[in-house]
Amino acid sequence: MRVKRGLAGHRRHKKYLSAARGFRGGRSRLYRTAREAVERSMQYAFTGRKHRKRDFRALWIIRVNAGARLSDLSYSRMMHGLKLAGIALNRKVLADMAVHHKDDFALVAELAKTALNRA
């Protein structure tokens, strides 16, 4: 009895070609090109998830810095003041406060300022 081995290869090809849907030209139709494009896109997706974390942290720092400067503080002095005051708010929460709750952020900045003056 002979072995017919088409199934595994068909499944593998189908997996890559369906992942390449939406790609242009041969990148969505030809197996080898599609596989190369899909593997490269997965590498970009992996590094992109790391970059997104960096980008958001940078955005939060920019927003906290902008809010802090309205209260006559720099970003680094504000963060140091918060640490001295024992206020454990992360940058994401501080950035949200700086954008949406300016009055509350100003109060937090004042607490940081008084902690800096005491130290």
PDB file of N, CA and C in Angstrom:
ATOM      1  N   MET A   1       0.845  -1.185   0.000  1.00  0.00           N
ATOM      2  CA  MET A   1       0.000   0.000   0.000  1.00  0.00           C
ATOM      3  C   MET A   1       0.885   1.240   0.000  1.00  0.00           C
ATOM      4  N   ARG A   2       0.610   2.169  -0.904  1.00  0.00           N
ATOM      5  CA  ARG A   2       1.474   3.342  -0.983  1.00  0.00           C
ATOM      6  C   ARG A   2       0.963   4.462  -0.079  1.00  0.00           C
ATOM      7  N   VAL A   3       1.906   5.326   0.295  1.00  0.00           N
ATOM      8  CA  VAL A   3       1.584   6.437   1.196  1.00  0.00           C
ATOM      9  C   VAL A   3       1.355   7.682   0.365  1.00  0.00           C
ATOM     10  N   LYS A   4       0.223   8.316   0.566  1.00  0.00           N
ATOM     11  CA  LYS A   4      -0.049   9.582  -0.109  1.00  0.00           C
ATOM     12  C   LYS A   4       0.147  10.685   0.922  1.00  0.00           C
ATOM     13  N   ARG A   5       1.088  11.587   0.666  1.00  0.00           N
ATOM     14  CA  ARG A   5       1.470  12.532   1.714  1.00  0.00           C
ATOM     15  C   ARG A   5       1.114  13.978   1.372  1.00  0.00           C
ATOM     16  N   GLY A   6       0.035  14.213   0.693  1.00  0.00           N
ATOM     17  CA  GLY A   6      -0.307  15.578   0.314  1.00  0.00           C
ATOM     18  C   GLY A   6      -0.905  16.407   1.437  1.00  0.00           C
ATOM     19  N   LEU A   7      -1.548  15.773   2.391  1.00  0.00           N
ATOM     20  CA  LEU A   7      -2.363  16.490   3.368  1.00  0.00           C
ATOM     21  C   LEU A   7      -1.564  17.471   4.232  1.00  0.00           C
ATOM     22  N   ALA A   8      -0.456  17.012   4.785  1.00  0.00           N
ATOM     23  CA  ALA A   8       0.318  17.872   5.694  1.00  0.00           C
ATOM     24  C   ALA A   8       0.834  19.105   4.963  1.00  0.00           C
ATOM     25  N   GLY A   9       1.344  18.879   3.762  1.00  0.00           N
ATOM     26  CA  GLY A   9       1.862  20.008   2.984  1.00  0.00           C
ATOM     27  C   GLY A   9       0.769  20.987   2.615  1.00  0.00           C
ATOM     28  N   HIS A  10      -0.384  20.464   2.225  1.00  0.00           N
ATOM     29  CA  HIS A  10      -1.509  21.337   1.879  1.00  0.00           C
ATOM     30  C   HIS A  10      -1.916  22.181   3.084  1.00  0.00           C
ATOM     31  N   ARG A  11      -1.963  21.538   4.242  1.00  0.00           N
ATOM     32  CA  ARG A  11      -2.347  22.274   5.454  1.00  0.00           C
ATOM     33  C   ARG A  11      -1.344  23.374   5.768  1.00  0.00           C
ATOM     34  N   ARG A  12      -0.059  23.041   5.641  1.00  0.00           N
ATOM     35  CA  ARG A  12       0.986  24.022   5.935  1.00  0.00           C
ATOM     36  C   ARG A  12       0.891  25.197   4.959  1.00  0.00           C
ATOM     37  N   HIS A  13       0.733  24.888   3.680  1.00  0.00           N
ATOM     38  CA  HIS A  13       0.622  25.952   2.676  1.00  0.00           C
ATOM     39  C   HIS A  13      -0.618  26.805   2.932  1.00  0.00           C
ATOM     40  N   LYS A  14      -1.720  26.145   3.239  1.00  0.00           N
ATOM     41  CA  LYS A  14      -2.971  26.864   3.460  1.00  0.00           C
ATOM     42  C   LYS A  14      -2.847  27.806   4.668  1.00  0.00           C
ATOM     43  N   LYS A  15      -2.142  27.340   5.700  1.00  0.00           N
ATOM     44  CA  LYS A  15      -1.963  28.148   6.908  1.00  0.00           C
ATOM     45  C   LYS A  15      -1.249  29.466   6.565  1.00  0.00           C
ATOM     46  N   TYR A  16      -0.168  29.372   5.792  1.00  0.00           N
ATOM     47  CA  TYR A  16       0.580  30.575   5.438  1.00  0.00           C
ATOM     48  C   TYR A  16      -0.195  31.455   4.467  1.00  0.00           C
ATOM     49  N   LEU A  17      -0.859  30.840   3.481  1.00  0.00           N
ATOM     50  CA  LEU A  17      -1.581  31.638   2.493  1.00  0.00           C
ATOM     51  C   LEU A  17      -2.779  32.355   3.118  1.00  0.00           C
ATOM     52  N   SER A  18      -3.432  31.720   4.090  1.00  0.00           N
ATOM     53  CA  SER A  18      -4.550  32.410   4.733  1.00  0.00           C
ATOM     54  C   SER A  18      -4.037  33.518   5.650  1.00  0.00           C
ATOM     55  N   ALA A  19      -2.846  33.336   6.224  1.00  0.00           N
ATOM     56  CA  ALA A  19      -2.261  34.397   7.054  1.00  0.00           C
ATOM     57  C   ALA A  19      -1.821  35.581   6.195  1.00  0.00           C
ATOM     58  N   ALA A  20      -1.573  35.329   4.904  1.00  0.00           N
ATOM     59  CA  ALA A  20      -1.102  36.386   3.999  1.00  0.00           C
ATOM     60  C   ALA A  20      -2.251  37.089   3.287  1.00  0.00           C
ATOM     61  N   ARG A  21      -3.480  36.848   3.692  1.00  0.00           N
ATOM     62  CA  ARG A  21      -4.610  37.537   3.074  1.00  0.00           C
ATOM     63  C   ARG A  21      -4.464  39.034   3.265  1.00  0.00           C
ATOM     64  N   GLY A  22      -4.745  39.776   2.225  1.00  0.00           N
ATOM     65  CA  GLY A  22      -4.636  41.221   2.324  1.00  0.00           C
ATOM     66  C   GLY A  22      -3.292  41.731   1.863  1.00  0.00           C
ATOM     67  N   PHE A  23      -2.301  40.846   1.726  1.00  0.00           N
ATOM     68  CA  PHE A  23      -1.014  41.259   1.185  1.00  0.00           C
ATOM     69  C   PHE A  23      -1.179  41.452  -0.316  1.00  0.00           C
ATOM     70  N   ARG A  24      -0.302  42.239  -0.921  1.00  0.00           N
ATOM     71  CA  ARG A  24      -0.445  42.555  -2.343  1.00  0.00           C
ATOM     72  C   ARG A  24       0.340  41.597  -3.215  1.00  0.00           C
ATOM     73  N   GLY A  25      -0.204  41.315  -4.380  1.00  0.00           N
ATOM     74  CA  GLY A  25       0.504  40.562  -5.407  1.00  0.00           C
ATOM     75  C   GLY A  25       0.838  39.145  -4.996  1.00  0.00           C
ATOM     76  N   GLY A  26       2.045  38.710  -5.375  1.00  0.00           N
ATOM     77  CA  GLY A  26       2.475  37.350  -5.104  1.00  0.00           C
ATOM     78  C   GLY A  26       2.605  37.049  -3.625  1.00  0.00           C
ATOM     79  N   ARG A  27       2.717  38.104  -2.825  1.00  0.00           N
ATOM     80  CA  ARG A  27       2.863  37.895  -1.379  1.00  0.00           C
ATOM     81  C   ARG A  27       1.619  37.250  -0.777  1.00  0.00           C
ATOM     82  N   SER A  28       0.493  37.290  -1.496  1.00  0.00           N
ATOM     83  CA  SER A  28      -0.706  36.625  -0.987  1.00  0.00           C
ATOM     84  C   SER A  28      -1.070  35.389  -1.819  1.00  0.00           C
ATOM     85  N   ARG A  29      -0.338  35.153  -2.929  1.00  0.00           N
ATOM     86  CA  ARG A  29      -0.740  34.053  -3.819  1.00  0.00           C
ATOM     87  C   ARG A  29       0.308  32.950  -3.929  1.00  0.00           C
ATOM     88  N   LEU A  30       1.583  33.319  -3.857  1.00  0.00           N
ATOM     89  CA  LEU A  30       2.655  32.343  -4.043  1.00  0.00           C
ATOM     90  C   LEU A  30       3.140  31.877  -2.677  1.00  0.00           C
ATOM     91  N   TYR A  31       3.265  30.558  -2.521  1.00  0.00           N
ATOM     92  CA  TYR A  31       3.551  30.023  -1.189  1.00  0.00           C
ATOM     93  C   TYR A  31       4.857  30.561  -0.622  1.00  0.00           C
ATOM     94  N   ARG A  32       5.941  30.463  -1.382  1.00  0.00           N
ATOM     95  CA  ARG A  32       7.242  30.844  -0.823  1.00  0.00           C
ATOM     96  C   ARG A  32       7.283  32.324  -0.451  1.00  0.00           C
ATOM     97  N   THR A  33       6.806  33.167  -1.337  1.00  0.00           N
ATOM     98  CA  THR A  33       6.800  34.607  -1.060  1.00  0.00           C
ATOM     99  C   THR A  33       5.867  34.921   0.103  1.00  0.00           C
ATOM    100  N   ALA A  34       4.729  34.240   0.137  1.00  0.00           N
ATOM    101  CA  ALA A  34       3.773  34.465   1.226  1.00  0.00           C
ATOM    102  C   ALA A  34       4.390  34.057   2.555  1.00  0.00           C
ATOM    103  N   ARG A  35       5.093  32.922   2.568  1.00  0.00           N
ATOM    104  CA  ARG A  35       5.712  32.467   3.811  1.00  0.00           C
ATOM    105  C   ARG A  35       6.752  33.472   4.300  1.00  0.00           C
ATOM    106  N   GLU A  36       7.577  33.970   3.381  1.00  0.00           N
ATOM    107  CA  GLU A  36       8.586  34.965   3.763  1.00  0.00           C
ATOM    108  C   GLU A  36       7.922  36.222   4.318  1.00  0.00           C
ATOM    109  N   ALA A  37       6.857  36.670   3.635  1.00  0.00           N
ATOM    110  CA  ALA A  37       6.174  37.888   4.064  1.00  0.00           C
ATOM    111  C   ALA A  37       5.505  37.699   5.418  1.00  0.00           C
ATOM    112  N   VAL A  38       4.880  36.534   5.619  1.00  0.00           N
ATOM    113  CA  VAL A  38       4.187  36.276   6.883  1.00  0.00           C
ATOM    114  C   VAL A  38       5.189  36.186   8.030  1.00  0.00           C
ATOM    115  N   GLU A  39       6.297  35.483   7.813  1.00  0.00           N
ATOM    116  CA  GLU A  39       7.293  35.357   8.882  1.00  0.00           C
ATOM    117  C   GLU A  39       7.891  36.712   9.233  1.00  0.00           C
ATOM    118  N   ARG A  40       8.151  37.520   8.211  1.00  0.00           N
ATOM    119  CA  ARG A  40       8.678  38.862   8.480  1.00  0.00           C
ATOM    120  C   ARG A  40       7.641  39.701   9.220  1.00  0.00           C
ATOM    121  N   SER A  41       6.375  39.585   8.823  1.00  0.00           N
ATOM    122  CA  SER A  41       5.335  40.378   9.479  1.00  0.00           C
ATOM    123  C   SER A  41       5.174  39.961  10.940  1.00  0.00           C
ATOM    124  N   MET A  42       5.375  38.669  11.208  1.00  0.00           N
ATOM    125  CA  MET A  42       5.284  38.215  12.602  1.00  0.00           C
ATOM    126  C   MET A  42       6.445  38.751  13.425  1.00  0.00           C
ATOM    127  N   GLN A  43       7.619  38.878  12.813  1.00  0.00           N
ATOM    128  CA  GLN A  43       8.754  39.489  13.517  1.00  0.00           C
ATOM    129  C   GLN A  43       8.453  40.951  13.837  1.00  0.00           C
ATOM    130  N   TYR A  44       7.889  41.655  12.847  1.00  0.00           N
ATOM    131  CA  TYR A  44       7.535  43.059  13.072  1.00  0.00           C
ATOM    132  C   TYR A  44       6.471  43.179  14.168  1.00  0.00           C
ATOM    133  N   ALA A  45       5.524  42.251  14.174  1.00  0.00           N
ATOM    134  CA  ALA A  45       4.468  42.297  15.184  1.00  0.00           C
ATOM    135  C   ALA A  45       5.052  42.089  16.579  1.00  0.00           C
ATOM    136  N   PHE A  46       6.026  41.168  16.684  1.00  0.00           N
ATOM    137  CA  PHE A  46       6.650  40.893  17.977  1.00  0.00           C
ATOM    138  C   PHE A  46       7.389  42.127  18.483  1.00  0.00           C
ATOM    139  N   THR A  47       8.241  42.707  17.622  1.00  0.00           N
ATOM    140  CA  THR A  47       8.983  43.896  18.058  1.00  0.00           C
ATOM    141  C   THR A  47       8.040  45.074  18.264  1.00  0.00           C
ATOM    142  N   GLY A  48       6.951  45.128  17.463  1.00  0.00           N
ATOM    143  CA  GLY A  48       5.989  46.215  17.617  1.00  0.00           C
ATOM    144  C   GLY A  48       5.319  46.207  18.973  1.00  0.00           C
ATOM    145  N   ARG A  49       5.078  45.015  19.518  1.00  0.00           N
ATOM    146  CA  ARG A  49       4.475  44.938  20.858  1.00  0.00           C
ATOM    147  C   ARG A  49       5.427  45.494  21.905  1.00  0.00           C
ATOM    148  N   LYS A  50       6.731  45.306  21.710  1.00  0.00           N
ATOM    149  CA  LYS A  50       7.709  45.882  22.636  1.00  0.00           C
ATOM    150  C   LYS A  50       7.776  47.401  22.467  1.00  0.00           C
ATOM    151  N   HIS A  51       7.756  47.853  21.203  1.00  0.00           N
ATOM    152  CA  HIS A  51       7.834  49.287  20.935  1.00  0.00           C
ATOM    153  C   HIS A  51       6.618  50.029  21.474  1.00  0.00           C
ATOM    154  N   ARG A  52       5.443  49.383  21.419  1.00  0.00           N
ATOM    155  CA  ARG A  52       4.232  50.032  21.920  1.00  0.00           C
ATOM    156  C   ARG A  52       4.386  50.379  23.400  1.00  0.00           C
ATOM    157  N   LYS A  53       4.988  49.477  24.159  1.00  0.00           N
ATOM    158  CA  LYS A  53       5.197  49.737  25.590  1.00  0.00           C
ATOM    159  C   LYS A  53       6.113  50.942  25.785  1.00  0.00           C
ATOM    160  N   ARG A  54       7.193  51.003  24.984  1.00  0.00           N
ATOM    161  CA  ARG A  54       8.116  52.139  25.057  1.00  0.00           C
ATOM    162  C   ARG A  54       7.418  53.431  24.692  1.00  0.00           C
ATOM    163  N   ASP A  55       6.651  53.381  23.610  1.00  0.00           N
ATOM    164  CA  ASP A  55       6.010  54.591  23.099  1.00  0.00           C
ATOM    165  C   ASP A  55       5.009  55.145  24.101  1.00  0.00           C
ATOM    166  N   PHE A  56       4.234  54.253  24.723  1.00  0.00           N
ATOM    167  CA  PHE A  56       3.257  54.735  25.694  1.00  0.00           C
ATOM    168  C   PHE A  56       3.936  55.319  26.920  1.00  0.00           C
ATOM    169  N   ARG A  57       5.005  54.678  27.386  1.00  0.00           N
ATOM    170  CA  ARG A  57       5.723  55.231  28.538  1.00  0.00           C
ATOM    171  C   ARG A  57       6.268  56.622  28.210  1.00  0.00           C
ATOM    172  N   ALA A  58       6.821  56.782  27.007  1.00  0.00           N
ATOM    173  CA  ALA A  58       7.339  58.087  26.588  1.00  0.00           C
ATOM    174  C   ALA A  58       6.213  59.125  26.549  1.00  0.00           C
ATOM    175  N   LEU A  59       5.044  58.726  26.035  1.00  0.00           N
ATOM    176  CA  LEU A  59       3.902  59.630  25.973  1.00  0.00           C
ATOM    177  C   LEU A  59       3.463  60.053  27.373  1.00  0.00           C
ATOM    178  N   TRP A  60       3.413  59.088  28.287  1.00  0.00           N
ATOM    179  CA  TRP A  60       3.008  59.408  29.660  1.00  0.00           C
ATOM    180  C   TRP A  60       3.994  60.381  30.297  1.00  0.00           C
ATOM    181  N   ILE A  61       5.281  60.165  30.066  1.00  0.00           N
ATOM    182  CA  ILE A  61       6.296  61.046  30.645  1.00  0.00           C
ATOM    183  C   ILE A  61       6.133  62.462  30.090  1.00  0.00           C
ATOM    184  N   ILE A  62       5.872  62.582  28.796  1.00  0.00           N
ATOM    185  CA  ILE A  62       5.672  63.902  28.179  1.00  0.00           C
ATOM    186  C   ILE A  62       4.475  64.602  28.812  1.00  0.00           C
ATOM    187  N   ARG A  63       3.391  63.858  29.016  1.00  0.00           N
ATOM    188  CA  ARG A  63       2.184  64.463  29.587  1.00  0.00           C
ATOM    189  C   ARG A  63       2.383  64.865  31.047  1.00  0.00           C
ATOM    190  N   VAL A  64       3.057  64.009  31.820  1.00  0.00           N
ATOM    191  CA  VAL A  64       3.318  64.340  33.224  1.00  0.00           C
ATOM    192  C   VAL A  64       4.230  65.562  33.296  1.00  0.00           C
ATOM    193  N   ASN A  65       5.225  65.620  32.434  1.00  0.00           N
ATOM    194  CA  ASN A  65       6.145  66.760  32.406  1.00  0.00           C
ATOM    195  C   ASN A  65       5.391  68.045  32.090  1.00  0.00           C
ATOM    196  N   ALA A  66       4.496  67.989  31.110  1.00  0.00           N
ATOM    197  CA  ALA A  66       3.717  69.181  30.745  1.00  0.00           C
ATOM    198  C   ALA A  66       2.858  69.641  31.919  1.00  0.00           C
ATOM    199  N   GLY A  67       2.219  68.687  32.591  1.00  0.00           N
ATOM    200  CA  GLY A  67       1.391  69.045  33.741  1.00  0.00           C
ATOM    201  C   GLY A  67       2.213  69.571  34.899  1.00  0.00           C
ATOM    202  N   ALA A  68       3.389  68.983  35.097  1.00  0.00           N
ATOM    203  CA  ALA A  68       4.251  69.410  36.205  1.00  0.00           C
ATOM    204  C   ALA A  68       4.757  70.831  35.980  1.00  0.00           C
ATOM    205  N   ARG A  69       5.067  71.159  34.734  1.00  0.00           N
ATOM    206  CA  ARG A  69       5.603  72.497  34.440  1.00  0.00           C
ATOM    207  C   ARG A  69       4.551  73.589  34.639  1.00  0.00           C
ATOM    208  N   LEU A  70       3.274  73.228  34.565  1.00  0.00           N
ATOM    209  CA  LEU A  70       2.224  74.201  34.902  1.00  0.00           C
ATOM    210  C   LEU A  70       2.263  74.531  36.386  1.00  0.00           C
ATOM    211  N   SER A  71       2.810  73.614  37.185  1.00  0.00           N
ATOM    212  CA  SER A  71       2.950  73.841  38.632  1.00  0.00           C
ATOM    213  C   SER A  71       4.376  74.221  38.999  1.00  0.00           C
ATOM    214  N   ASP A  72       5.153  74.697  38.039  1.00  0.00           N
ATOM    215  CA  ASP A  72       6.541  75.142  38.243  1.00  0.00           C
ATOM    216  C   ASP A  72       7.440  74.033  38.765  1.00  0.00           C
ATOM    217  N   LEU A  73       7.287  72.841  38.224  1.00  0.00           N
ATOM    218  CA  LEU A  73       8.157  71.709  38.556  1.00  0.00           C
ATOM    219  C   LEU A  73       8.630  71.074  37.260  1.00  0.00           C
ATOM    220  N   SER A  74       9.809  70.489  37.295  1.00  0.00           N
ATOM    221  CA  SER A  74      10.227  69.670  36.156  1.00  0.00           C
ATOM    222  C   SER A  74       9.735  68.244  36.410  1.00  0.00           C
ATOM    223  N   TYR A  75       9.795  67.432  35.375  1.00  0.00           N
ATOM    224  CA  TYR A  75       9.338  66.045  35.507  1.00  0.00           C
ATOM    225  C   TYR A  75      10.124  65.304  36.570  1.00  0.00           C
ATOM    226  N   SER A  76      11.455  65.427  36.509  1.00  0.00           N
ATOM    227  CA  SER A  76      12.291  64.649  37.428  1.00  0.00           C
ATOM    228  C   SER A  76      12.088  65.101  38.877  1.00  0.00           C
ATOM    229  N   ARG A  77      11.955  66.421  39.080  1.00  0.00           N
ATOM    230  CA  ARG A  77      11.726  66.908  40.450  1.00  0.00           C
ATOM    231  C   ARG A  77      10.344  66.486  40.951  1.00  0.00           C
ATOM    232  N   MET A  78       9.381  66.450  40.049  1.00  0.00           N
ATOM    233  CA  MET A  78       8.034  66.005  40.445  1.00  0.00           C
ATOM    234  C   MET A  78       8.067  64.545  40.883  1.00  0.00           C
ATOM    235  N   MET A  79       8.705  63.691  40.088  1.00  0.00           N
ATOM    236  CA  MET A  79       8.758  62.270  40.421  1.00  0.00           C
ATOM    237  C   MET A  79       9.537  62.051  41.730  1.00  0.00           C
ATOM    238  N   HIS A  80      10.609  62.821  41.910  1.00  0.00           N
ATOM    239  CA  HIS A  80      11.380  62.703  43.158  1.00  0.00           C
ATOM    240  C   HIS A  80      10.540  63.166  44.347  1.00  0.00           C
ATOM    241  N   GLY A  81       9.796  64.253  44.158  1.00  0.00           N
ATOM    242  CA  GLY A  81       8.926  64.757  45.217  1.00  0.00           C
ATOM    243  C   GLY A  81       7.832  63.768  45.587  1.00  0.00           C
ATOM    244  N   LEU A  82       7.277  63.101  44.584  1.00  0.00           N
ATOM    245  CA  LEU A  82       6.251  62.100  44.856  1.00  0.00           C
ATOM    246  C   LEU A  82       6.826  60.941  45.659  1.00  0.00           C
ATOM    247  N   LYS A  83       8.049  60.550  45.320  1.00  0.00           N
ATOM    248  CA  LYS A  83       8.684  59.452  46.046  1.00  0.00           C
ATOM    249  C   LYS A  83       8.929  59.858  47.507  1.00  0.00           C
ATOM    250  N   LEU A  84       9.402  61.091  47.698  1.00  0.00           N
ATOM    251  CA  LEU A  84       9.641  61.577  49.062  1.00  0.00           C
ATOM    252  C   LEU A  84       8.334  61.679  49.850  1.00  0.00           C
ATOM    253  N   ALA A  85       7.251  62.048  49.172  1.00  0.00           N
ATOM    254  CA  ALA A  85       5.951  62.198  49.844  1.00  0.00           C
ATOM    255  C   ALA A  85       5.279  60.849  50.087  1.00  0.00           C
ATOM    256  N   GLY A  86       5.832  59.787  49.510  1.00  0.00           N
ATOM    257  CA  GLY A  86       5.247  58.459  49.690  1.00  0.00           C
ATOM    258  C   GLY A  86       4.010  58.237  48.831  1.00  0.00           C
ATOM    259  N   ILE A  87       3.918  58.962  47.724  1.00  0.00           N
ATOM    260  CA  ILE A  87       2.777  58.815  46.816  1.00  0.00           C
ATOM    261  C   ILE A  87       3.192  57.861  45.705  1.00  0.00           C
ATOM    262  N   ALA A  88       2.521  56.721  45.631  1.00  0.00           N
ATOM    263  CA  ALA A  88       2.901  55.679  44.670  1.00  0.00           C
ATOM    264  C   ALA A  88       1.907  55.635  43.517  1.00  0.00           C
ATOM    265  N   LEU A  89       1.935  56.670  42.679  1.00  0.00           N
ATOM    266  CA  LEU A  89       1.104  56.681  41.469  1.00  0.00           C
ATOM    267  C   LEU A  89       2.022  56.438  40.280  1.00  0.00           C
ATOM    268  N   ASN A  90       1.603  55.540  39.384  1.00  0.00           N
ATOM    269  CA  ASN A  90       2.455  55.278  38.230  1.00  0.00           C
ATOM    270  C   ASN A  90       2.264  56.350  37.163  1.00  0.00           C
ATOM    271  N   ARG A  91       3.122  56.306  36.142  1.00  0.00           N
ATOM    272  CA  ARG A  91       3.120  57.346  35.119  1.00  0.00           C
ATOM    273  C   ARG A  91       1.828  57.359  34.306  1.00  0.00           C
ATOM    274  N   LYS A  92       1.248  56.170  34.103  1.00  0.00           N
ATOM    275  CA  LYS A  92      -0.002  56.085  33.336  1.00  0.00           C
ATOM    276  C   LYS A  92      -1.112  56.844  34.048  1.00  0.00           C
ATOM    277  N   VAL A  93      -1.242  56.635  35.346  1.00  0.00           N
ATOM    278  CA  VAL A  93      -2.292  57.300  36.127  1.00  0.00           C
ATOM    279  C   VAL A  93      -2.021  58.799  36.199  1.00  0.00           C
ATOM    280  N   LEU A  94      -0.752  59.170  36.417  1.00  0.00           N
ATOM    281  CA  LEU A  94      -0.407  60.588  36.487  1.00  0.00           C
ATOM    282  C   LEU A  94      -0.698  61.289  35.163  1.00  0.00           C
ATOM    283  N   ALA A  95      -0.384  60.625  34.045  1.00  0.00           N
ATOM    284  CA  ALA A  95      -0.639  61.218  32.737  1.00  0.00           C
ATOM    285  C   ALA A  95      -2.135  61.406  32.509  1.00  0.00           C
ATOM    286  N   ASP A  96      -2.930  60.427  32.916  1.00  0.00           N
ATOM    287  CA  ASP A  96      -4.375  60.540  32.779  1.00  0.00           C
ATOM    288  C   ASP A  96      -4.904  61.702  33.622  1.00  0.00           C
ATOM    289  N   MET A  97      -4.358  61.837  34.839  1.00  0.00           N
ATOM    290  CA  MET A  97      -4.768  62.961  35.695  1.00  0.00           C
ATOM    291  C   MET A  97      -4.375  64.289  35.062  1.00  0.00           C
ATOM    292  N   ALA A  98      -3.168  64.347  34.492  1.00  0.00           N
ATOM    293  CA  ALA A  98      -2.684  65.595  33.899  1.00  0.00           C
ATOM    294  C   ALA A  98      -3.565  66.031  32.734  1.00  0.00           C
ATOM    295  N   VAL A  99      -4.146  65.073  32.016  1.00  0.00           N
ATOM    296  CA  VAL A  99      -4.974  65.414  30.854  1.00  0.00           C
ATOM    297  C   VAL A  99      -6.427  65.647  31.250  1.00  0.00           C
ATOM    298  N   HIS A 100      -6.990  64.758  32.057  1.00  0.00           N
ATOM    299  CA  HIS A 100      -8.437  64.794  32.319  1.00  0.00           C
ATOM    300  C   HIS A 100      -8.833  65.406  33.662  1.00  0.00           C
ATOM    301  N   HIS A 101      -7.929  65.397  34.626  1.00  0.00           N
ATOM    302  CA  HIS A 101      -8.262  65.906  35.976  1.00  0.00           C
ATOM    303  C   HIS A 101      -7.165  66.867  36.421  1.00  0.00           C
ATOM    304  N   LYS A 102      -7.134  68.019  35.765  1.00  0.00           N
ATOM    305  CA  LYS A 102      -6.036  68.976  35.987  1.00  0.00           C
ATOM    306  C   LYS A 102      -5.977  69.478  37.433  1.00  0.00           C
ATOM    307  N   ASP A 103      -7.133  69.678  38.049  1.00  0.00           N
ATOM    308  CA  ASP A 103      -7.152  70.199  39.425  1.00  0.00           C
ATOM    309  C   ASP A 103      -6.543  69.186  40.388  1.00  0.00           C
ATOM    310  N   ASP A 104      -6.928  67.922  40.241  1.00  0.00           N
ATOM    311  CA  ASP A 104      -6.377  66.875  41.104  1.00  0.00           C
ATOM    312  C   ASP A 104      -4.878  66.718  40.882  1.00  0.00           C
ATOM    313  N   PHE A 105      -4.460  66.827  39.621  1.00  0.00           N
ATOM    314  CA  PHE A 105      -3.032  66.722  39.320  1.00  0.00           C
ATOM    315  C   PHE A 105      -2.263  67.871  39.973  1.00  0.00           C
ATOM    316  N   ALA A 106      -2.860  69.065  39.946  1.00  0.00           N
ATOM    317  CA  ALA A 106      -2.206  70.219  40.579  1.00  0.00           C
ATOM    318  C   ALA A 106      -2.037  69.986  42.076  1.00  0.00           C
ATOM    319  N   LEU A 107      -3.037  69.352  42.718  1.00  0.00           N
ATOM    320  CA  LEU A 107      -2.917  69.044  44.154  1.00  0.00           C
ATOM    321  C   LEU A 107      -1.780  68.057  44.411  1.00  0.00           C
ATOM    322  N   VAL A 108      -1.684  67.055  43.566  1.00  0.00           N
ATOM    323  CA  VAL A 108      -0.609  66.068  43.703  1.00  0.00           C
ATOM    324  C   VAL A 108       0.739  66.747  43.500  1.00  0.00           C
ATOM    325  N   ALA A 109       0.810  67.655  42.528  1.00  0.00           N
ATOM    326  CA  ALA A 109       2.058  68.382  42.277  1.00  0.00           C
ATOM    327  C   ALA A 109       2.434  69.232  43.488  1.00  0.00           C
ATOM    328  N   GLU A 110       1.450  69.827  44.126  1.00  0.00           N
ATOM    329  CA  GLU A 110       1.723  70.626  45.335  1.00  0.00           C
ATOM    330  C   GLU A 110       2.253  69.750  46.468  1.00  0.00           C
ATOM    331  N   LEU A 111       1.682  68.551  46.608  1.00  0.00           N
ATOM    332  CA  LEU A 111       2.202  67.610  47.619  1.00  0.00           C
ATOM    333  C   LEU A 111       3.660  67.258  47.338  1.00  0.00           C
ATOM    334  N   ALA A 112       3.973  67.050  46.065  1.00  0.00           N
ATOM    335  CA  ALA A 112       5.360  66.742  45.680  1.00  0.00           C
ATOM    336  C   ALA A 112       6.256  67.928  45.987  1.00  0.00           C
ATOM    337  N   LYS A 113       5.761  69.137  45.722  1.00  0.00           N
ATOM    338  CA  LYS A 113       6.552  70.344  45.959  1.00  0.00           C
ATOM    339  C   LYS A 113       6.851  70.542  47.446  1.00  0.00           C
ATOM    340  N   THR A 114       5.831  70.337  48.293  1.00  0.00           N
ATOM    341  CA  THR A 114       6.059  70.477  49.733  1.00  0.00           C
ATOM    342  C   THR A 114       7.011  69.412  50.260  1.00  0.00           C
ATOM    343  N   ALA A 115       6.939  68.206  49.703  1.00  0.00           N
ATOM    344  CA  ALA A 115       7.873  67.148  50.109  1.00  0.00           C
ATOM    345  C   ALA A 115       9.298  67.502  49.704  1.00  0.00           C
ATOM    346  N   LEU A 116       9.458  68.130  48.553  1.00  0.00           N
ATOM    347  CA  LEU A 116      10.794  68.549  48.111  1.00  0.00           C
ATOM    348  C   LEU A 116      11.336  69.654  49.021  1.00  0.00           C
ATOM    349  N   ASN A 117      10.475  70.587  49.428  1.00  0.00           N
ATOM    350  CA  ASN A 117      10.914  71.695  50.292  1.00  0.00           C
ATOM    351  C   ASN A 117      11.310  71.192  51.681  1.00  0.00           C
ATOM    352  N   ARG A 118      10.611  70.158  52.164  1.00  0.00           N
ATOM    353  CA  ARG A 118      10.929  69.603  53.475  1.00  0.00           C
ATOM    354  C   ARG A 118      12.261  68.876  53.479  1.00  0.00           C
ATOM    355  N   ALA A 119      12.589  68.249  52.348  1.00  0.00           N
ATOM    356  CA  ALA A 119      13.802  67.412  52.285  1.00  0.00           C
ATOM    357  C   ALA A 119      15.064  68.253  52.153  1.00  0.00           C
TER     358      ALA A 119
END
